Amino acid sequence: MKIVEAVISPDKWKKIWKPLTAENIRELDSLIKDRSISPEAARKRIQEKLSELRNKKPTIITLNPKIDSKAQRRLQCSFSFTNLFIYLVGIDIDGVEEDAVFLLWGEELTPPDF
């Protein structure tokens, strides 16, 4: 299990999501959840919209639409393991020594297995 403490300030929050806006996320969510169209058509529409957004500027966060033929229709937002440590924790994983000491609420932790 990996445990990290991350304080996310409003500035850091904005940096993580840039250039996406709340309106972009609401629009994507509406496209995904539009049950008036088939899952295949929804996937095609969302991929077109994601391509349009990615062409503007890449984001730190990854948007993964989850649409199946049953009931699942959601937008999953995630970080790569590397981006989690770089942007949220502030640790460059390439520079971590094996004997590094990490503290969580003042308690020493075993270094993460990068």
PDB file of N, CA and C in Angstrom:
ATOM      1  N   MET A   1       0.839  -1.167   0.000  1.00  0.00           N
ATOM      2  CA  MET A   1       0.000   0.000   0.000  1.00  0.00           C
ATOM      3  C   MET A   1       0.888   1.235   0.000  1.00  0.00           C
ATOM      4  N   LYS A   2       0.510   2.224  -0.773  1.00  0.00           N
ATOM      5  CA  LYS A   2       1.240   3.484  -0.829  1.00  0.00           C
ATOM      6  C   LYS A   2       0.418   4.543  -0.107  1.00  0.00           C
ATOM      7  N   ILE A   3       1.044   5.244   0.833  1.00  0.00           N
ATOM      8  CA  ILE A   3       0.368   6.306   1.567  1.00  0.00           C
ATOM      9  C   ILE A   3       1.171   7.581   1.383  1.00  0.00           C
ATOM     10  N   VAL A   4       0.501   8.615   0.944  1.00  0.00           N
ATOM     11  CA  VAL A   4       1.143   9.917   0.822  1.00  0.00           C
ATOM     12  C   VAL A   4       0.193  10.973   1.359  1.00  0.00           C
ATOM     13  N   GLU A   5       0.769  12.010   1.908  1.00  0.00           N
ATOM     14  CA  GLU A   5      -0.008  13.150   2.364  1.00  0.00           C
ATOM     15  C   GLU A   5       0.177  14.246   1.328  1.00  0.00           C
ATOM     16  N   ALA A   6      -0.912  14.787   0.848  1.00  0.00           N
ATOM     17  CA  ALA A   6      -0.824  15.844  -0.153  1.00  0.00           C
ATOM     18  C   ALA A   6      -1.776  16.968   0.225  1.00  0.00           C
ATOM     19  N   VAL A   7      -1.236  18.170   0.333  1.00  0.00           N
ATOM     20  CA  VAL A   7      -2.057  19.346   0.563  1.00  0.00           C
ATOM     21  C   VAL A   7      -2.293  19.985  -0.801  1.00  0.00           C
ATOM     22  N   ILE A   8      -3.545  20.127  -1.156  1.00  0.00           N
ATOM     23  CA  ILE A   8      -3.868  20.670  -2.477  1.00  0.00           C
ATOM     24  C   ILE A   8      -4.444  22.074  -2.293  1.00  0.00           C
ATOM     25  N   SER A   9      -3.613  23.051  -2.573  1.00  0.00           N
ATOM     26  CA  SER A   9      -4.044  24.446  -2.488  1.00  0.00           C
ATOM     27  C   SER A   9      -4.926  24.780  -3.692  1.00  0.00           C
ATOM     28  N   PRO A  10      -5.677  25.874  -3.625  1.00  0.00           N
ATOM     29  CA  PRO A  10      -6.480  26.268  -4.794  1.00  0.00           C
ATOM     30  C   PRO A  10      -5.618  26.461  -6.046  1.00  0.00           C
ATOM     31  N   ASP A  11      -4.414  27.019  -5.901  1.00  0.00           N
ATOM     32  CA  ASP A  11      -3.538  27.198  -7.060  1.00  0.00           C
ATOM     33  C   ASP A  11      -3.109  25.854  -7.647  1.00  0.00           C
ATOM     34  N   LYS A  12      -2.785  24.907  -6.769  1.00  0.00           N
ATOM     35  CA  LYS A  12      -2.380  23.576  -7.241  1.00  0.00           C
ATOM     36  C   LYS A  12      -3.565  22.882  -7.927  1.00  0.00           C
ATOM     37  N   TRP A  13      -4.748  23.040  -7.344  1.00  0.00           N
ATOM     38  CA  TRP A  13      -5.958  22.449  -7.919  1.00  0.00           C
ATOM     39  C   TRP A  13      -6.167  22.952  -9.346  1.00  0.00           C
ATOM     40  N   LYS A  14      -6.024  24.268  -9.550  1.00  0.00           N
ATOM     41  CA  LYS A  14      -6.193  24.856 -10.883  1.00  0.00           C
ATOM     42  C   LYS A  14      -5.138  24.332 -11.856  1.00  0.00           C
ATOM     43  N   LYS A  15      -3.895  24.203 -11.384  1.00  0.00           N
ATOM     44  CA  LYS A  15      -2.804  23.724 -12.240  1.00  0.00           C
ATOM     45  C   LYS A  15      -3.058  22.284 -12.702  1.00  0.00           C
ATOM     46  N   ILE A  16      -3.595  21.471 -11.804  1.00  0.00           N
ATOM     47  CA  ILE A  16      -3.881  20.072 -12.123  1.00  0.00           C
ATOM     48  C   ILE A  16      -4.900  19.974 -13.259  1.00  0.00           C
ATOM     49  N   TRP A  17      -5.913  20.800 -13.232  1.00  0.00           N
ATOM     50  CA  TRP A  17      -7.012  20.717 -14.188  1.00  0.00           C
ATOM     51  C   TRP A  17      -6.803  21.541 -15.447  1.00  0.00           C
ATOM     52  N   LYS A  18      -5.889  22.519 -15.423  1.00  0.00           N
ATOM     53  CA  LYS A  18      -5.692  23.396 -16.582  1.00  0.00           C
ATOM     54  C   LYS A  18      -5.373  22.602 -17.827  1.00  0.00           C
ATOM     55  N   PRO A  19      -5.864  22.929 -18.955  1.00  0.00           N
ATOM     56  CA  PRO A  19      -6.726  24.044 -19.322  1.00  0.00           C
ATOM     57  C   PRO A  19      -8.210  23.712 -19.211  1.00  0.00           C
ATOM     58  N   LEU A  20      -8.554  22.543 -18.639  1.00  0.00           N
ATOM     59  CA  LEU A  20      -9.961  22.167 -18.503  1.00  0.00           C
ATOM     60  C   LEU A  20     -10.677  23.084 -17.522  1.00  0.00           C
ATOM     61  N   THR A  21     -11.944  23.300 -17.793  1.00  0.00           N
ATOM     62  CA  THR A  21     -12.777  24.102 -16.900  1.00  0.00           C
ATOM     63  C   THR A  21     -13.897  23.224 -16.361  1.00  0.00           C
ATOM     64  N   ALA A  22     -14.585  23.721 -15.350  1.00  0.00           N
ATOM     65  CA  ALA A  22     -15.739  22.995 -14.820  1.00  0.00           C
ATOM     66  C   ALA A  22     -16.782  22.802 -15.919  1.00  0.00           C
ATOM     67  N   GLU A  23     -16.912  23.791 -16.788  1.00  0.00           N
ATOM     68  CA  GLU A  23     -17.866  23.689 -17.896  1.00  0.00           C
ATOM     69  C   GLU A  23     -17.474  22.550 -18.844  1.00  0.00           C
ATOM     70  N   ASN A  24     -16.167  22.396 -19.131  1.00  0.00           N
ATOM     71  CA  ASN A  24     -15.708  21.279 -19.969  1.00  0.00           C
ATOM     72  C   ASN A  24     -16.109  19.941 -19.348  1.00  0.00           C
ATOM     73  N   ILE A  25     -15.901  19.802 -18.044  1.00  0.00           N
ATOM     74  CA  ILE A  25     -16.214  18.540 -17.353  1.00  0.00           C
ATOM     75  C   ILE A  25     -17.718  18.290 -17.373  1.00  0.00           C
ATOM     76  N   ARG A  26     -18.523  19.334 -17.120  1.00  0.00           N
ATOM     77  CA  ARG A  26     -19.984  19.181 -17.166  1.00  0.00           C
ATOM     78  C   ARG A  26     -20.441  18.753 -18.571  1.00  0.00           C
ATOM     79  N   GLU A  27     -19.842  19.342 -19.597  1.00  0.00           N
ATOM     80  CA  GLU A  27     -20.198  18.993 -20.973  1.00  0.00           C
ATOM     81  C   GLU A  27     -19.856  17.531 -21.273  1.00  0.00           C
ATOM     82  N   LEU A  28     -18.655  17.117 -20.874  1.00  0.00           N
ATOM     83  CA  LEU A  28     -18.255  15.721 -21.083  1.00  0.00           C
ATOM     84  C   LEU A  28     -19.185  14.776 -20.333  1.00  0.00           C
ATOM     85  N   ASP A  29     -19.507  15.128 -19.099  1.00  0.00           N
ATOM     86  CA  ASP A  29     -20.389  14.309 -18.281  1.00  0.00           C
ATOM     87  C   ASP A  29     -21.765  14.176 -18.934  1.00  0.00           C
ATOM     88  N   SER A  30     -22.282  15.276 -19.476  1.00  0.00           N
ATOM     89  CA  SER A  30     -23.583  15.239 -20.159  1.00  0.00           C
ATOM     90  C   SER A  30     -23.539  14.354 -21.397  1.00  0.00           C
ATOM     91  N   LEU A  31     -22.450  14.455 -22.169  1.00  0.00           N
ATOM     92  CA  LEU A  31     -22.312  13.610 -23.355  1.00  0.00           C
ATOM     93  C   LEU A  31     -22.296  12.132 -22.975  1.00  0.00           C
ATOM     94  N   ILE A  32     -21.553  11.807 -21.942  1.00  0.00           N
ATOM     95  CA  ILE A  32     -21.433  10.415 -21.503  1.00  0.00           C
ATOM     96  C   ILE A  32     -22.779   9.878 -21.016  1.00  0.00           C
ATOM     97  N   LYS A  33     -23.504  10.693 -20.267  1.00  0.00           N
ATOM     98  CA  LYS A  33     -24.747  10.228 -19.642  1.00  0.00           C
ATOM     99  C   LYS A  33     -25.982  10.390 -20.512  1.00  0.00           C
ATOM    100  N   ASP A  34     -25.825  10.823 -21.746  1.00  0.00           N
ATOM    101  CA  ASP A  34     -26.955  11.000 -22.655  1.00  0.00           C
ATOM    102  C   ASP A  34     -27.456   9.629 -23.107  1.00  0.00           C
ATOM    103  N   ARG A  35     -28.531   9.166 -22.504  1.00  0.00           N
ATOM    104  CA  ARG A  35     -29.061   7.833 -22.803  1.00  0.00           C
ATOM    105  C   ARG A  35     -29.984   7.821 -24.017  1.00  0.00           C
ATOM    106  N   SER A  36     -30.130   8.986 -24.672  1.00  0.00           N
ATOM    107  CA  SER A  36     -30.946   9.013 -25.888  1.00  0.00           C
ATOM    108  C   SER A  36     -30.172   8.453 -27.076  1.00  0.00           C
ATOM    109  N   ILE A  37     -28.862   8.215 -26.872  1.00  0.00           N
ATOM    110  CA  ILE A  37     -28.035   7.636 -27.939  1.00  0.00           C
ATOM    111  C   ILE A  37     -27.416   6.331 -27.451  1.00  0.00           C
ATOM    112  N   SER A  38     -27.016   5.513 -28.386  1.00  0.00           N
ATOM    113  CA  SER A  38     -26.435   4.205 -28.048  1.00  0.00           C
ATOM    114  C   SER A  38     -25.065   4.384 -27.386  1.00  0.00           C
ATOM    115  N   PRO A  39     -24.593   3.359 -26.671  1.00  0.00           N
ATOM    116  CA  PRO A  39     -23.245   3.437 -26.092  1.00  0.00           C
ATOM    117  C   PRO A  39     -22.178   3.690 -27.158  1.00  0.00           C
ATOM    118  N   GLU A  40     -22.340   3.075 -28.335  1.00  0.00           N
ATOM    119  CA  GLU A  40     -21.354   3.261 -29.410  1.00  0.00           C
ATOM    120  C   GLU A  40     -21.318   4.720 -29.869  1.00  0.00           C
ATOM    121  N   ALA A  41     -22.492   5.308 -30.068  1.00  0.00           N
ATOM    122  CA  ALA A  41     -22.565   6.711 -30.490  1.00  0.00           C
ATOM    123  C   ALA A  41     -22.025   7.634 -29.388  1.00  0.00           C
ATOM    124  N   ALA A  42     -22.324   7.301 -28.135  1.00  0.00           N
ATOM    125  CA  ALA A  42     -21.816   8.105 -27.015  1.00  0.00           C
ATOM    126  C   ALA A  42     -20.288   8.042 -26.977  1.00  0.00           C
ATOM    127  N   ARG A  43     -19.725   6.839 -27.167  1.00  0.00           N
ATOM    128  CA  ARG A  43     -18.259   6.693 -27.177  1.00  0.00           C
ATOM    129  C   ARG A  43     -17.634   7.538 -28.285  1.00  0.00           C
ATOM    130  N   LYS A  44     -18.247   7.487 -29.473  1.00  0.00           N
ATOM    131  CA  LYS A  44     -17.720   8.247 -30.605  1.00  0.00           C
ATOM    132  C   LYS A  44     -17.761   9.747 -30.320  1.00  0.00           C
ATOM    133  N   ARG A  45     -18.878  10.238 -29.800  1.00  0.00           N
ATOM    134  CA  ARG A  45     -19.017  11.670 -29.502  1.00  0.00           C
ATOM    135  C   ARG A  45     -18.024  12.114 -28.435  1.00  0.00           C
ATOM    136  N   ILE A  46     -17.870  11.308 -27.400  1.00  0.00           N
ATOM    137  CA  ILE A  46     -16.967  11.699 -26.310  1.00  0.00           C
ATOM    138  C   ILE A  46     -15.520  11.677 -26.780  1.00  0.00           C
ATOM    139  N   GLN A  47     -15.151  10.707 -27.621  1.00  0.00           N
ATOM    140  CA  GLN A  47     -13.776  10.658 -28.129  1.00  0.00           C
ATOM    141  C   GLN A  47     -13.471  11.865 -29.016  1.00  0.00           C
ATOM    142  N   GLU A  48     -14.449  12.295 -29.806  1.00  0.00           N
ATOM    143  CA  GLU A  48     -14.265  13.497 -30.623  1.00  0.00           C
ATOM    144  C   GLU A  48     -14.043  14.723 -29.738  1.00  0.00           C
ATOM    145  N   LYS A  49     -14.847  14.835 -28.686  1.00  0.00           N
ATOM    146  CA  LYS A  49     -14.723  15.976 -27.774  1.00  0.00           C
ATOM    147  C   LYS A  49     -13.391  15.921 -27.028  1.00  0.00           C
ATOM    148  N   LEU A  50     -12.985  14.740 -26.577  1.00  0.00           N
ATOM    149  CA  LEU A  50     -11.700  14.606 -25.876  1.00  0.00           C
ATOM    150  C   LEU A  50     -10.540  14.953 -26.801  1.00  0.00           C
ATOM    151  N   SER A  51     -10.611  14.538 -28.056  1.00  0.00           N
ATOM    152  CA  SER A  51      -9.552  14.875 -29.017  1.00  0.00           C
ATOM    153  C   SER A  51      -9.456  16.386 -29.193  1.00  0.00           C
ATOM    154  N   GLU A  52     -10.602  17.024 -29.296  1.00  0.00           N
ATOM    155  CA  GLU A  52     -10.642  18.484 -29.427  1.00  0.00           C
ATOM    156  C   GLU A  52      -9.988  19.154 -28.210  1.00  0.00           C
ATOM    157  N   LEU A  53     -10.310  18.669 -27.017  1.00  0.00           N
ATOM    158  CA  LEU A  53      -9.730  19.250 -25.798  1.00  0.00           C
ATOM    159  C   LEU A  53      -8.231  18.974 -25.701  1.00  0.00           C
ATOM    160  N   ARG A  54      -7.807  17.758 -26.050  1.00  0.00           N
ATOM    161  CA  ARG A  54      -6.383  17.403 -25.971  1.00  0.00           C
ATOM    162  C   ARG A  54      -5.546  18.210 -26.966  1.00  0.00           C
ATOM    163  N   ASN A  55      -6.146  18.567 -28.101  1.00  0.00           N
ATOM    164  CA  ASN A  55      -5.422  19.354 -29.093  1.00  0.00           C
ATOM    165  C   ASN A  55      -5.128  20.770 -28.597  1.00  0.00           C
ATOM    166  N   LYS A  56      -5.933  21.264 -27.667  1.00  0.00           N
ATOM    167  CA  LYS A  56      -5.692  22.599 -27.107  1.00  0.00           C
ATOM    168  C   LYS A  56      -4.412  22.594 -26.278  1.00  0.00           C
ATOM    169  N   LYS A  57      -4.331  21.669 -25.349  1.00  0.00           N
ATOM    170  CA  LYS A  57      -3.160  21.544 -24.486  1.00  0.00           C
ATOM    171  C   LYS A  57      -3.337  20.292 -23.636  1.00  0.00           C
ATOM    172  N   PRO A  58      -2.287  19.497 -23.493  1.00  0.00           N
ATOM    173  CA  PRO A  58      -2.413  18.302 -22.650  1.00  0.00           C
ATOM    174  C   PRO A  58      -2.639  18.691 -21.183  1.00  0.00           C
ATOM    175  N   THR A  59      -3.278  17.816 -20.456  1.00  0.00           N
ATOM    176  CA  THR A  59      -3.538  18.052 -19.040  1.00  0.00           C
ATOM    177  C   THR A  59      -2.737  17.067 -18.190  1.00  0.00           C
ATOM    178  N   ILE A  60      -2.573  17.418 -16.930  1.00  0.00           N
ATOM    179  CA  ILE A  60      -1.900  16.540 -15.976  1.00  0.00           C
ATOM    180  C   ILE A  60      -2.822  15.373 -15.623  1.00  0.00           C
ATOM    181  N   ILE A  61      -4.095  15.682 -15.532  1.00  0.00           N
ATOM    182  CA  ILE A  61      -5.087  14.671 -15.176  1.00  0.00           C
ATOM    183  C   ILE A  61      -5.531  13.943 -16.445  1.00  0.00           C
ATOM    184  N   THR A  62      -5.868  12.675 -16.320  1.00  0.00           N
ATOM    185  CA  THR A  62      -6.306  11.873 -17.460  1.00  0.00           C
ATOM    186  C   THR A  62      -7.808  11.655 -17.355  1.00  0.00           C
ATOM    187  N   LEU A  63      -8.504  11.902 -18.449  1.00  0.00           N
ATOM    188  CA  LEU A  63      -9.954  11.708 -18.491  1.00  0.00           C
ATOM    189  C   LEU A  63     -10.249  10.397 -19.193  1.00  0.00           C
ATOM    190  N   ASN A  64     -10.963   9.512 -18.505  1.00  0.00           N
ATOM    191  CA  ASN A  64     -11.285   8.191 -19.034  1.00  0.00           C
ATOM    192  C   ASN A  64     -12.790   7.972 -19.003  1.00  0.00           C
ATOM    193  N   PRO A  65     -13.460   8.130 -20.140  1.00  0.00           N
ATOM    194  CA  PRO A  65     -14.901   7.852 -20.154  1.00  0.00           C
ATOM    195  C   PRO A  65     -15.142   6.354 -19.991  1.00  0.00           C
ATOM    196  N   LYS A  66     -16.098   6.019 -19.153  1.00  0.00           N
ATOM    197  CA  LYS A  66     -16.466   4.618 -18.924  1.00  0.00           C
ATOM    198  C   LYS A  66     -17.907   4.451 -19.376  1.00  0.00           C
ATOM    199  N   ILE A  67     -18.080   3.813 -20.526  1.00  0.00           N
ATOM    200  CA  ILE A  67     -19.406   3.604 -21.113  1.00  0.00           C
ATOM    201  C   ILE A  67     -19.504   2.141 -21.516  1.00  0.00           C
ATOM    202  N   ASP A  68     -20.433   1.423 -20.924  1.00  0.00           N
ATOM    203  CA  ASP A  68     -20.622   0.036 -21.348  1.00  0.00           C
ATOM    204  C   ASP A  68     -22.029  -0.150 -21.903  1.00  0.00           C
ATOM    205  N   SER A  69     -22.325  -1.350 -22.329  1.00  0.00           N
ATOM    206  CA  SER A  69     -23.628  -1.612 -22.951  1.00  0.00           C
ATOM    207  C   SER A  69     -24.734  -1.800 -21.920  1.00  0.00           C
ATOM    208  N   LYS A  70     -24.362  -1.817 -20.645  1.00  0.00           N
ATOM    209  CA  LYS A  70     -25.370  -1.996 -19.592  1.00  0.00           C
ATOM    210  C   LYS A  70     -25.700  -0.637 -18.983  1.00  0.00           C
ATOM    211  N   ALA A  71     -25.311  -0.428 -17.740  1.00  0.00           N
ATOM    212  CA  ALA A  71     -25.729   0.802 -17.058  1.00  0.00           C
ATOM    213  C   ALA A  71     -24.596   1.792 -16.804  1.00  0.00           C
ATOM    214  N   GLN A  72     -23.361   1.359 -16.991  1.00  0.00           N
ATOM    215  CA  GLN A  72     -22.249   2.230 -16.617  1.00  0.00           C
ATOM    216  C   GLN A  72     -22.027   3.354 -17.625  1.00  0.00           C
ATOM    217  N   ARG A  73     -22.074   4.577 -17.138  1.00  0.00           N
ATOM    218  CA  ARG A  73     -21.750   5.754 -17.936  1.00  0.00           C
ATOM    219  C   ARG A  73     -21.230   6.793 -16.959  1.00  0.00           C
ATOM    220  N   ARG A  74     -19.898   6.943 -16.946  1.00  0.00           N
ATOM    221  CA  ARG A  74     -19.285   7.900 -16.025  1.00  0.00           C
ATOM    222  C   ARG A  74     -17.972   8.401 -16.601  1.00  0.00           C
ATOM    223  N   LEU A  75     -17.488   9.488 -16.036  1.00  0.00           N
ATOM    224  CA  LEU A  75     -16.196  10.038 -16.428  1.00  0.00           C
ATOM    225  C   LEU A  75     -15.226   9.823 -15.271  1.00  0.00           C
ATOM    226  N   GLN A  76     -14.238   8.999 -15.501  1.00  0.00           N
ATOM    227  CA  GLN A  76     -13.216   8.724 -14.485  1.00  0.00           C
ATOM    228  C   GLN A  76     -12.035   9.654 -14.732  1.00  0.00           C
ATOM    229  N   CYS A  77     -11.610  10.362 -13.694  1.00  0.00           N
ATOM    230  CA  CYS A  77     -10.467  11.271 -13.782  1.00  0.00           C
ATOM    231  C   CYS A  77      -9.355  10.691 -12.922  1.00  0.00           C
ATOM    232  N   SER A  78      -8.156  10.577 -13.492  1.00  0.00           N
ATOM    233  CA  SER A  78      -7.072   9.933 -12.747  1.00  0.00           C
ATOM    234  C   SER A  78      -5.723  10.576 -13.048  1.00  0.00           C
ATOM    235  N   PHE A  79      -4.742  10.218 -12.218  1.00  0.00           N
ATOM    236  CA  PHE A  79      -3.353  10.638 -12.368  1.00  0.00           C
ATOM    237  C   PHE A  79      -2.508   9.416 -12.655  1.00  0.00           C
ATOM    238  N   SER A  80      -1.439   9.611 -13.385  1.00  0.00           N
ATOM    239  CA  SER A  80      -0.450   8.542 -13.458  1.00  0.00           C
ATOM    240  C   SER A  80       0.271   8.535 -12.103  1.00  0.00           C
ATOM    241  N   PHE A  81       0.883   7.435 -11.774  1.00  0.00           N
ATOM    242  CA  PHE A  81       1.627   7.325 -10.518  1.00  0.00           C
ATOM    243  C   PHE A  81       2.699   8.417 -10.442  1.00  0.00           C
ATOM    244  N   THR A  82       3.394   8.623 -11.546  1.00  0.00           N
ATOM    245  CA  THR A  82       4.449   9.644 -11.599  1.00  0.00           C
ATOM    246  C   THR A  82       3.872  11.029 -11.360  1.00  0.00           C
ATOM    247  N   ASN A  83       2.781  11.380 -12.047  1.00  0.00           N
ATOM    248  CA  ASN A  83       2.187  12.709 -11.870  1.00  0.00           C
ATOM    249  C   ASN A  83       1.659  12.923 -10.467  1.00  0.00           C
ATOM    250  N   LEU A  84       1.144  11.881  -9.845  1.00  0.00           N
ATOM    251  CA  LEU A  84       0.678  11.997  -8.466  1.00  0.00           C
ATOM    252  C   LEU A  84       1.806  12.496  -7.573  1.00  0.00           C
ATOM    253  N   PHE A  85       2.968  11.869  -7.679  1.00  0.00           N
ATOM    254  CA  PHE A  85       4.085  12.262  -6.824  1.00  0.00           C
ATOM    255  C   PHE A  85       4.677  13.609  -7.219  1.00  0.00           C
ATOM    256  N   ILE A  86       4.782  13.867  -8.499  1.00  0.00           N
ATOM    257  CA  ILE A  86       5.379  15.135  -8.943  1.00  0.00           C
ATOM    258  C   ILE A  86       4.484  16.318  -8.582  1.00  0.00           C
ATOM    259  N   TYR A  87       3.207  16.269  -8.959  1.00  0.00           N
ATOM    260  CA  TYR A  87       2.333  17.430  -8.836  1.00  0.00           C
ATOM    261  C   TYR A  87       1.615  17.544  -7.500  1.00  0.00           C
ATOM    262  N   LEU A  88       1.293  16.430  -6.868  1.00  0.00           N
ATOM    263  CA  LEU A  88       0.575  16.517  -5.596  1.00  0.00           C
ATOM    264  C   LEU A  88       1.488  16.453  -4.384  1.00  0.00           C
ATOM    265  N   VAL A  89       2.473  15.591  -4.440  1.00  0.00           N
ATOM    266  CA  VAL A  89       3.352  15.414  -3.289  1.00  0.00           C
ATOM    267  C   VAL A  89       4.606  16.275  -3.409  1.00  0.00           C
ATOM    268  N   GLY A  90       4.998  16.609  -4.644  1.00  0.00           N
ATOM    269  CA  GLY A  90       6.186  17.433  -4.844  1.00  0.00           C
ATOM    270  C   GLY A  90       7.481  16.646  -4.776  1.00  0.00           C
ATOM    271  N   ILE A  91       7.418  15.374  -5.120  1.00  0.00           N
ATOM    272  CA  ILE A  91       8.599  14.510  -5.093  1.00  0.00           C
ATOM    273  C   ILE A  91       8.935  14.081  -6.519  1.00  0.00           C
ATOM    274  N   ASP A  92      10.161  14.316  -6.932  1.00  0.00           N
ATOM    275  CA  ASP A  92      10.631  13.806  -8.223  1.00  0.00           C
ATOM    276  C   ASP A  92      11.081  12.376  -7.979  1.00  0.00           C
ATOM    277  N   ILE A  93      10.310  11.418  -8.469  1.00  0.00           N
ATOM    278  CA  ILE A  93      10.590  10.017  -8.133  1.00  0.00           C
ATOM    279  C   ILE A  93      11.930   9.531  -8.653  1.00  0.00           C
ATOM    280  N   ASP A  94      12.474  10.195  -9.665  1.00  0.00           N
ATOM    281  CA  ASP A  94      13.783   9.790 -10.169  1.00  0.00           C
ATOM    282  C   ASP A  94      14.894  10.140  -9.186  1.00  0.00           C
ATOM    283  N   GLY A  95      14.638  11.097  -8.292  1.00  0.00           N
ATOM    284  CA  GLY A  95      15.671  11.534  -7.359  1.00  0.00           C
ATOM    285  C   GLY A  95      15.545  10.949  -5.959  1.00  0.00           C
ATOM    286  N   VAL A  96      14.629  10.012  -5.746  1.00  0.00           N
ATOM    287  CA  VAL A  96      14.419   9.445  -4.413  1.00  0.00           C
ATOM    288  C   VAL A  96      15.436   8.336  -4.152  1.00  0.00           C
ATOM    289  N   GLU A  97      16.141   8.469  -3.055  1.00  0.00           N
ATOM    290  CA  GLU A  97      17.102   7.444  -2.640  1.00  0.00           C
ATOM    291  C   GLU A  97      16.360   6.318  -1.926  1.00  0.00           C
ATOM    292  N   GLU A  98      16.913   5.117  -1.985  1.00  0.00           N
ATOM    293  CA  GLU A  98      16.264   3.982  -1.341  1.00  0.00           C
ATOM    294  C   GLU A  98      16.130   4.154   0.164  1.00  0.00           C
ATOM    295  N   ASP A  99      17.071   4.861   0.779  1.00  0.00           N
ATOM    296  CA  ASP A  99      17.025   5.022   2.234  1.00  0.00           C
ATOM    297  C   ASP A  99      16.365   6.340   2.647  1.00  0.00           C
ATOM    298  N   ALA A 100      15.609   6.967   1.754  1.00  0.00           N
ATOM    299  CA  ALA A 100      14.931   8.224   2.069  1.00  0.00           C
ATOM    300  C   ALA A 100      13.928   8.011   3.203  1.00  0.00           C
ATOM    301  N   VAL A 101      13.767   9.033   4.034  1.00  0.00           N
ATOM    302  CA  VAL A 101      12.824   8.977   5.147  1.00  0.00           C
ATOM    303  C   VAL A 101      11.612   9.835   4.781  1.00  0.00           C
ATOM    304  N   PHE A 102      10.426   9.240   4.867  1.00  0.00           N
ATOM    305  CA  PHE A 102       9.179   9.947   4.608  1.00  0.00           C
ATOM    306  C   PHE A 102       8.380   9.990   5.900  1.00  0.00           C
ATOM    307  N   LEU A 103       7.744  11.119   6.142  1.00  0.00           N
ATOM    308  CA  LEU A 103       6.915  11.272   7.326  1.00  0.00           C
ATOM    309  C   LEU A 103       5.473  11.522   6.916  1.00  0.00           C
ATOM    310  N   LEU A 104       4.547  10.910   7.641  1.00  0.00           N
ATOM    311  CA  LEU A 104       3.126  11.168   7.476  1.00  0.00           C
ATOM    312  C   LEU A 104       2.586  11.480   8.857  1.00  0.00           C
ATOM    313  N   TRP A 105       2.171  12.710   9.048  1.00  0.00           N
ATOM    314  CA  TRP A 105       1.706  13.195  10.344  1.00  0.00           C
ATOM    315  C   TRP A 105       2.729  12.908  11.434  1.00  0.00           C
ATOM    316  N   GLY A 106       3.994  13.107  11.081  1.00  0.00           N
ATOM    317  CA  GLY A 106       5.079  12.957  12.042  1.00  0.00           C
ATOM    318  C   GLY A 106       5.572  11.538  12.239  1.00  0.00           C
ATOM    319  N   GLU A 107       4.949  10.569  11.603  1.00  0.00           N
ATOM    320  CA  GLU A 107       5.354   9.162  11.733  1.00  0.00           C
ATOM    321  C   GLU A 107       6.177   8.757  10.524  1.00  0.00           C
ATOM    322  N   GLU A 108       7.273   8.032  10.760  1.00  0.00           N
ATOM    323  CA  GLU A 108       8.148   7.607   9.682  1.00  0.00           C
ATOM    324  C   GLU A 108       7.502   6.465   8.904  1.00  0.00           C
ATOM    325  N   LEU A 109       7.608   6.589   7.569  1.00  0.00           N
ATOM    326  CA  LEU A 109       7.075   5.555   6.674  1.00  0.00           C
ATOM    327  C   LEU A 109       8.194   4.922   5.880  1.00  0.00           C
ATOM    328  N   THR A 110       7.975   3.719   5.428  1.00  0.00           N
ATOM    329  CA  THR A 110       8.904   3.089   4.505  1.00  0.00           C
ATOM    330  C   THR A 110       8.746   3.783   3.163  1.00  0.00           C
ATOM    331  N   PRO A 111       9.864   4.066   2.453  1.00  0.00           N
ATOM    332  CA  PRO A 111       9.727   4.750   1.154  1.00  0.00           C
ATOM    333  C   PRO A 111       8.855   3.976   0.184  1.00  0.00           C
ATOM    334  N   PRO A 112       8.107   4.696  -0.639  1.00  0.00           N
ATOM    335  CA  PRO A 112       7.302   3.995  -1.653  1.00  0.00           C
ATOM    336  C   PRO A 112       8.188   3.223  -2.617  1.00  0.00           C
ATOM    337  N   ASP A 113       7.649   2.191  -3.159  1.00  0.00           N
ATOM    338  CA  ASP A 113       8.349   1.341  -4.106  1.00  0.00           C
ATOM    339  C   ASP A 113       8.187   1.925  -5.503  1.00  0.00           C
ATOM    340  N   PHE A 114       9.037   2.872  -5.877  1.00  0.00           N
ATOM    341  CA  PHE A 114       8.901   3.517  -7.171  1.00  0.00           C
ATOM    342  C   PHE A 114       9.346   2.548  -8.232  1.00  0.00           C
TER     343      PHE A 114
END
